[in-house]
């Protein structure tokens, strides 16, 4: 992905996985067609986990969801999106497998190339952008966790980390030095903007910072980094406030240059405290309503797109004051 040189069509890389990444992609596609989604590959549950275990492939589920979020807004694109998302329901081995997961894995076997297979599915969907894995091999997530009485343990596997219920103190990947997807590294280095979050903080967002070549690209790129905070805590971040999410990100990547942080006002307990932390990171805080109008814990694509457009155009004040940064 080459720099656009056109602020109305910025080259954007979105990092994450699952529903959180789908939310950011649904917003970004309203701003630009120069999008690269870089997706976590540590899922070990459901259809993805079964295919990963049986065939030794990257878990395809989060990749499928990202492709679906970028589908062309036409009858053709929506039809293929719905087909990719369709799940079988049976008493046999196909139960809960999605058509998209099977299609993606079949293309990987046919072409022997992960990226080529994903690009082909993207063309089938008329996708507004490209979807890439963050690593070239399947990963496992490990976490040091602390219980309510201070007891410590190690939890292994994305499914178990996501549902531990204990405070996560430290995150690791297995293997510890996985090969990054080269195309993903290039995309980060050549981007105008990088969007990190929303999503499951420990199992979808932070893992990108633990892949050495991808982390190096994030630290060295001239792209500006935007962090989009979650609307509510999930199972792996129970009890964490908005400021805690940002503090954890800073602890795992203290040198990551962050330009802006986007947060919904209903999700921030203390705006001043969050703004102070952003300031220590050299970042501007943008507080905007980005959830749906029914106040559900779901990002609204139009509202999130408007907030991200404000960031891109440097309208970061409470009333749209241009910062000139």
Protein backbone atom coordinates (compact mmCIF):
# COMPACT_ATOMS: atom_id res chain seq x y z
CA UNK A 1 0.00 0.00 0.00
CA UNK A 2 1.59 3.27 -1.08
CA UNK A 3 1.00 6.62 0.50
CA UNK A 4 -1.87 8.35 -1.21
CA UNK A 5 -0.64 11.93 -0.93
CA UNK A 6 -4.35 12.75 -0.85
CA UNK A 7 -5.79 13.61 2.59
CA UNK A 8 -9.27 12.72 1.33
CA UNK A 9 -8.09 9.16 0.61
CA UNK A 10 -5.57 8.36 3.36
CA UNK A 11 -3.76 5.04 3.37
CA UNK A 12 -4.91 3.41 6.63
CA UNK A 13 -3.84 0.22 8.40
CA UNK A 14 -6.28 -1.16 10.99
CA UNK A 15 -4.96 -3.60 13.58
CA UNK A 16 -7.13 -5.97 15.59
CA UNK A 17 -9.42 -8.94 15.27
CA UNK A 18 -12.99 -10.14 15.63
CA UNK A 19 -15.91 -7.76 16.10
CA UNK A 20 -13.72 -4.86 17.21
CA UNK A 21 -11.76 -4.83 13.96
CA UNK A 22 -14.99 -5.20 11.99
CA UNK A 23 -16.27 -2.05 13.73
CA UNK A 24 -13.22 0.01 12.77
CA UNK A 25 -13.26 -1.32 9.19
CA UNK A 26 -16.98 -0.52 8.82
CA UNK A 27 -16.12 3.07 9.75
CA UNK A 28 -12.91 3.38 7.75
CA UNK A 29 -14.55 2.18 4.54
CA UNK A 30 -16.72 5.32 4.70
CA UNK A 31 -13.55 7.45 4.65
CA UNK A 32 -11.21 5.78 2.18
CA UNK A 33 -10.71 2.78 -0.07
CA UNK A 34 -7.03 2.53 0.85
CA UNK A 35 -7.42 0.17 3.81
CA UNK A 36 -5.30 -2.72 4.99
CA UNK A 37 -6.60 -4.83 7.87
CA UNK A 38 -3.86 -6.64 9.80
CA UNK A 39 -5.53 -9.42 11.75
CA UNK A 40 -4.60 -11.49 14.80
CA UNK A 41 -4.03 -15.20 14.16
CA UNK A 42 -4.22 -16.71 17.65
CA UNK A 43 -7.83 -17.94 17.72
CA UNK A 44 -8.07 -21.49 19.04
CA UNK A 45 -11.81 -21.89 19.53
CA UNK A 46 -14.85 -22.72 17.43
CA UNK A 47 -14.61 -23.41 13.71
CA UNK A 48 -11.26 -21.62 13.42
CA UNK A 49 -9.73 -23.63 16.24
CA UNK A 50 -10.92 -26.91 14.75
CA UNK A 51 -9.49 -26.11 11.31
CA UNK A 52 -6.26 -24.91 12.86
CA UNK A 53 -5.89 -28.10 14.88
CA UNK A 54 -6.87 -30.46 12.07
CA UNK A 55 -5.02 -28.83 9.15
CA UNK A 56 -2.25 -26.82 10.82
CA UNK A 57 -3.38 -23.58 9.13
CA UNK A 58 -3.82 -20.04 10.36
CA UNK A 59 -7.20 -19.66 12.11
CA UNK A 60 -9.35 -18.12 9.36
CA UNK A 61 -12.30 -16.73 11.35
CA UNK A 62 -11.07 -13.22 12.16
CA UNK A 63 -9.69 -12.90 8.62
CA UNK A 64 -13.10 -13.86 7.26
CA UNK A 65 -14.85 -11.28 9.44
CA UNK A 66 -12.49 -8.53 8.27
CA UNK A 67 -13.07 -9.42 4.63
CA UNK A 68 -16.83 -9.39 5.21
CA UNK A 69 -16.65 -5.94 6.79
CA UNK A 70 -14.92 -4.58 3.69
CA UNK A 71 -17.28 -6.15 1.12
CA UNK A 72 -18.63 -4.03 -1.71
CA UNK A 73 -21.93 -2.36 -0.82
CA UNK A 74 -23.78 -3.97 -3.72
CA UNK A 75 -26.05 -6.96 -4.13
CA UNK A 76 -23.04 -8.97 -5.33
CA UNK A 77 -20.83 -7.97 -2.41
CA UNK A 78 -23.52 -8.42 0.23
CA UNK A 79 -24.52 -11.84 -1.17
CA UNK A 80 -20.97 -13.15 -1.01
CA UNK A 81 -20.54 -11.59 2.45
CA UNK A 82 -23.62 -13.43 3.69
CA UNK A 83 -22.35 -16.65 2.14
CA UNK A 84 -18.96 -16.28 3.85
CA UNK A 85 -20.66 -15.68 7.19
CA UNK A 86 -23.13 -18.56 6.85
CA UNK A 87 -22.66 -21.34 9.40
CA UNK A 88 -23.80 -24.92 9.03
CA UNK A 89 -26.01 -26.43 11.71
CA UNK A 90 -26.00 -30.20 11.89
CA UNK A 91 -25.30 -33.21 14.08
CA UNK A 92 -22.18 -33.99 12.06
CA UNK A 93 -18.62 -32.67 11.68
CA UNK A 94 -19.72 -29.60 9.68
CA UNK A 95 -21.69 -28.22 12.63
CA UNK A 96 -20.81 -24.55 13.35
CA UNK A 97 -18.26 -24.38 10.53
CA UNK A 98 -18.68 -21.25 8.43
CA UNK A 99 -18.61 -21.40 4.65
CA UNK A 100 -16.04 -18.60 4.61
CA UNK A 101 -13.61 -20.45 6.85
CA UNK A 102 -13.79 -23.52 4.63
CA UNK A 103 -13.44 -21.45 1.46
CA UNK A 104 -10.40 -19.56 2.75
CA UNK A 105 -8.63 -22.72 3.90
CA UNK A 106 -9.42 -24.44 0.58
CA UNK A 107 -7.84 -21.54 -1.33
CA UNK A 108 -4.76 -21.71 0.89
CA UNK A 109 -4.39 -25.38 0.03
CA UNK A 110 -5.02 -24.74 -3.66
CA UNK A 111 -2.56 -21.85 -4.05
CA UNK A 112 -0.12 -22.66 -1.26
CA UNK A 113 -0.05 -18.95 -0.42
CA UNK A 114 -1.95 -17.35 2.45
CA UNK A 115 -1.93 -13.81 1.10
CA UNK A 116 -2.89 -14.83 -2.44
CA UNK A 117 -5.86 -16.78 -1.09
CA UNK A 118 -7.08 -13.83 0.98
CA UNK A 119 -6.62 -11.44 -1.93
CA UNK A 120 -8.75 -13.71 -4.11
CA UNK A 121 -11.58 -13.73 -1.57
CA UNK A 122 -11.27 -9.94 -1.40
CA UNK A 123 -11.72 -9.71 -5.17
CA UNK A 124 -14.73 -12.01 -4.95
CA UNK A 125 -16.30 -9.65 -2.40
CA UNK A 126 -15.25 -6.48 -4.19
CA UNK A 127 -13.59 -5.56 -0.89
CA UNK A 128 -12.67 -1.92 -0.25
CA UNK A 129 -9.20 -2.78 0.93
CA UNK A 130 -6.96 -5.72 1.75
CA UNK A 131 -6.89 -8.21 4.62
CA UNK A 132 -3.61 -9.71 5.88
CA UNK A 133 -2.58 -11.89 8.84
CA UNK A 134 -0.26 -10.27 11.37
CA UNK A 135 2.00 -13.35 11.40
CA UNK A 136 2.83 -16.11 8.95
CA UNK A 137 2.27 -18.90 11.48
CA UNK A 138 -0.56 -19.66 13.94
CA UNK A 139 0.11 -18.14 17.36
CA UNK A 140 -0.81 -19.04 20.91
CA UNK A 141 -1.38 -16.41 23.55
CA UNK A 142 -0.09 -16.90 27.10
CA UNK A 143 -0.82 -14.65 30.06
CA UNK A 144 0.41 -14.31 33.62
CA UNK A 145 -2.73 -13.74 35.67
CA UNK A 146 -3.39 -12.65 39.25
CA UNK A 147 -6.37 -13.90 41.26
CA UNK A 148 -8.52 -11.98 43.77
CA UNK A 149 -6.35 -13.13 46.69
CA UNK A 150 -3.09 -12.36 44.90
CA UNK A 151 -2.53 -15.92 43.72
CA UNK A 152 -0.70 -16.24 40.40
CA UNK A 153 -1.08 -18.57 37.47
CA UNK A 154 -0.28 -18.91 33.75
CA UNK A 155 -3.16 -19.18 31.28
CA UNK A 156 -2.53 -20.52 27.78
CA UNK A 157 -4.64 -20.15 24.65
CA UNK A 158 -6.76 -17.26 23.40
CA UNK A 159 -10.04 -18.80 24.53
CA UNK A 160 -8.78 -19.31 28.09
CA UNK A 161 -7.07 -15.91 28.30
CA UNK A 162 -10.23 -14.18 27.09
CA UNK A 163 -12.35 -15.82 29.78
CA UNK A 164 -9.90 -16.09 32.69
CA UNK A 165 -11.76 -13.71 35.02
CA UNK A 166 -8.44 -12.92 36.75
CA UNK A 167 -6.38 -9.78 36.20
CA UNK A 168 -3.93 -10.18 33.34
CA UNK A 169 -0.49 -8.97 34.38
CA UNK A 170 1.62 -9.85 31.35
CA UNK A 171 1.06 -11.16 27.85
CA UNK A 172 3.27 -13.37 25.66
CA UNK A 173 3.12 -15.13 22.32
CA UNK A 174 4.16 -18.68 21.50
CA UNK A 175 6.38 -18.75 19.52
CA UNK A 176 7.95 -15.69 21.13
CA UNK A 177 9.59 -14.51 17.89
CA UNK A 178 7.03 -15.34 15.18
CA UNK A 179 7.62 -14.31 11.57
CA UNK A 180 5.46 -11.34 10.65
CA UNK A 181 3.53 -11.31 7.40
CA UNK A 182 5.89 -9.27 5.16
CA UNK A 183 3.03 -7.55 3.36
CA UNK A 184 1.60 -6.44 6.73
CA UNK A 185 4.94 -4.96 7.78
CA UNK A 186 5.20 -3.09 4.47
CA UNK A 187 1.66 -1.76 4.84
CA UNK A 188 2.42 -0.31 8.28
CA UNK A 189 5.63 1.30 7.07
CA UNK A 190 3.90 2.91 4.07
CA UNK A 191 0.65 3.99 5.77
CA UNK A 192 -0.55 7.50 6.48
CA UNK A 193 -2.52 6.35 9.54
CA UNK A 194 -2.60 3.29 11.79
CA UNK A 195 -5.74 2.52 13.82
CA UNK A 196 -5.33 0.31 16.90
CA UNK A 197 -8.54 -0.96 18.51
CA UNK A 198 -11.30 -1.32 19.44
CA UNK A 199 -11.50 -4.99 20.34
CA UNK A 200 -10.59 -7.56 22.96
CA UNK A 201 -7.65 -5.71 24.47
CA UNK A 202 -5.40 -8.61 25.40
CA UNK A 203 -6.29 -11.12 22.70
CA UNK A 204 -6.97 -8.91 19.65
CA UNK A 205 -5.25 -5.54 20.14
CA UNK A 206 -2.05 -6.02 22.15
CA UNK A 207 -0.77 -9.14 20.31
CA UNK A 208 0.24 -6.97 17.32
CA UNK A 209 2.81 -5.30 19.55
CA UNK A 210 4.38 -8.66 20.43
CA UNK A 211 5.35 -9.67 16.88
CA UNK A 212 8.90 -8.23 16.65
CA UNK A 213 8.95 -7.14 12.98
CA UNK A 214 5.45 -5.67 13.21
CA UNK A 215 6.31 -3.88 16.45
CA UNK A 216 9.45 -2.43 14.84
CA UNK A 217 7.39 -1.18 11.91
CA UNK A 218 4.92 0.48 14.28
CA UNK A 219 7.75 2.23 16.13
CA UNK A 220 9.53 3.34 12.96
CA UNK A 221 6.68 4.27 10.61
CA UNK A 222 5.95 7.91 9.91
CA UNK A 223 2.23 7.06 10.01
CA UNK A 224 0.24 8.60 12.83
CA UNK A 225 -1.25 6.11 15.29
CA UNK A 226 -4.84 6.42 16.54
CA UNK A 227 -6.12 4.33 19.45
CA UNK A 228 -9.87 3.69 19.59
CA UNK A 229 -10.96 2.68 23.08
CA UNK A 230 -13.66 0.11 23.80
CA UNK A 231 -17.17 1.08 24.81
CA UNK A 232 -17.37 -1.40 27.71
CA UNK A 233 -15.04 -3.88 29.39
CA UNK A 234 -15.32 -7.48 28.22
CA UNK A 235 -14.59 -10.76 30.00
CA UNK A 236 -10.82 -10.27 29.87
CA UNK A 237 -10.92 -6.65 31.10
CA UNK A 238 -13.58 -6.80 33.82
CA UNK A 239 -13.04 -3.97 36.27
CA UNK A 240 -10.76 -2.00 33.95
CA UNK A 241 -11.57 1.63 33.23
CA UNK A 242 -10.88 3.46 29.97
CA UNK A 243 -7.68 4.92 31.42
CA UNK A 244 -6.57 1.44 32.48
CA UNK A 245 -6.87 0.16 28.91
CA UNK A 246 -4.60 2.94 27.70
CA UNK A 247 -2.17 2.37 30.58
CA UNK A 248 -1.89 -1.32 29.68
CA UNK A 249 -1.16 -0.41 26.08
CA UNK A 250 1.53 1.96 27.23
CA UNK A 251 3.03 -0.68 29.54
CA UNK A 252 3.31 -3.20 26.69
CA UNK A 253 4.65 -0.63 24.20
CA UNK A 254 6.04 2.38 26.07
CA UNK A 255 7.78 3.73 22.97
CA UNK A 256 4.76 3.54 20.67
CA UNK A 257 4.06 7.04 19.34
CA UNK A 258 0.33 7.74 19.66
CA UNK A 259 -1.13 10.78 17.92
CA UNK A 260 -4.73 10.57 19.14
CA UNK A 261 -7.07 8.56 21.37
CA UNK A 262 -10.78 8.30 20.52
CA UNK A 263 -13.21 7.60 23.38
CA UNK A 264 -16.96 7.70 23.84
CA UNK A 265 -18.01 10.04 26.69
CA UNK A 266 -20.28 7.40 28.25
CA UNK A 267 -17.29 5.05 28.47
CA UNK A 268 -14.90 7.42 30.25
CA UNK A 269 -15.14 7.60 34.04
CA UNK A 270 -12.75 10.56 34.43
CA UNK A 271 -12.07 12.61 31.31
CA UNK A 272 -9.36 14.70 32.99
CA UNK A 273 -7.45 11.62 34.16
CA UNK A 274 -7.60 10.10 30.68
CA UNK A 275 -6.57 13.40 29.08
CA UNK A 276 -3.59 13.65 31.44
CA UNK A 277 -2.42 10.15 30.49
CA UNK A 278 -2.84 10.98 26.81
CA UNK A 279 -0.74 14.11 27.32
CA UNK A 280 2.10 12.12 28.90
CA UNK A 281 2.05 9.93 25.79
CA UNK A 282 2.10 12.95 23.48
CA UNK A 283 -1.42 12.15 22.27
CA UNK A 284 -4.56 14.25 21.89
CA UNK A 285 -7.79 12.94 23.42
CA UNK A 286 -10.89 13.13 21.23
CA UNK A 287 -14.12 12.52 23.16
CA UNK A 288 -16.98 11.87 20.74
CA UNK A 289 -20.17 9.84 20.85
CA UNK A 290 -19.24 6.88 18.68
CA UNK A 291 -21.75 4.32 19.97
CA UNK A 292 -25.13 3.66 18.44
CA UNK A 293 -27.99 5.96 19.29
CA UNK A 294 -29.73 3.22 21.29
CA UNK A 295 -26.73 3.38 23.68
CA UNK A 296 -25.85 -0.27 23.07
CA UNK A 297 -22.19 -1.21 23.39
CA UNK A 298 -21.71 -1.22 19.61
CA UNK A 299 -19.79 1.34 17.59
CA UNK A 300 -21.84 3.24 15.05
CA UNK A 301 -19.94 3.24 11.71
CA UNK A 302 -21.02 6.76 10.73
CA UNK A 303 -20.17 8.27 14.11
CA UNK A 304 -16.84 6.48 14.36
CA UNK A 305 -16.00 7.51 10.79
CA UNK A 306 -16.79 11.13 11.66
CA UNK A 307 -14.53 10.96 14.73
CA UNK A 308 -11.69 9.40 12.74
CA UNK A 309 -12.13 12.02 10.02
CA UNK A 310 -11.77 14.70 12.72
CA UNK A 311 -8.51 13.07 13.76
CA UNK A 312 -7.21 12.91 10.19
CA UNK A 313 -8.13 16.58 9.61
CA UNK A 314 -6.73 17.67 13.01
CA UNK A 315 -10.08 18.80 14.41
CA UNK A 316 -9.33 17.50 17.89
CA UNK A 317 -10.88 20.14 20.13
CA UNK A 318 -14.22 19.81 21.91
CA UNK A 319 -15.89 22.02 19.30
CA UNK A 320 -13.81 21.06 16.31
CA UNK A 321 -10.82 23.34 16.84
CA UNK A 322 -8.03 22.62 14.43
CA UNK A 323 -4.85 21.82 16.34
CA UNK A 324 -2.43 22.45 13.51
CA UNK A 325 -0.36 19.42 14.44
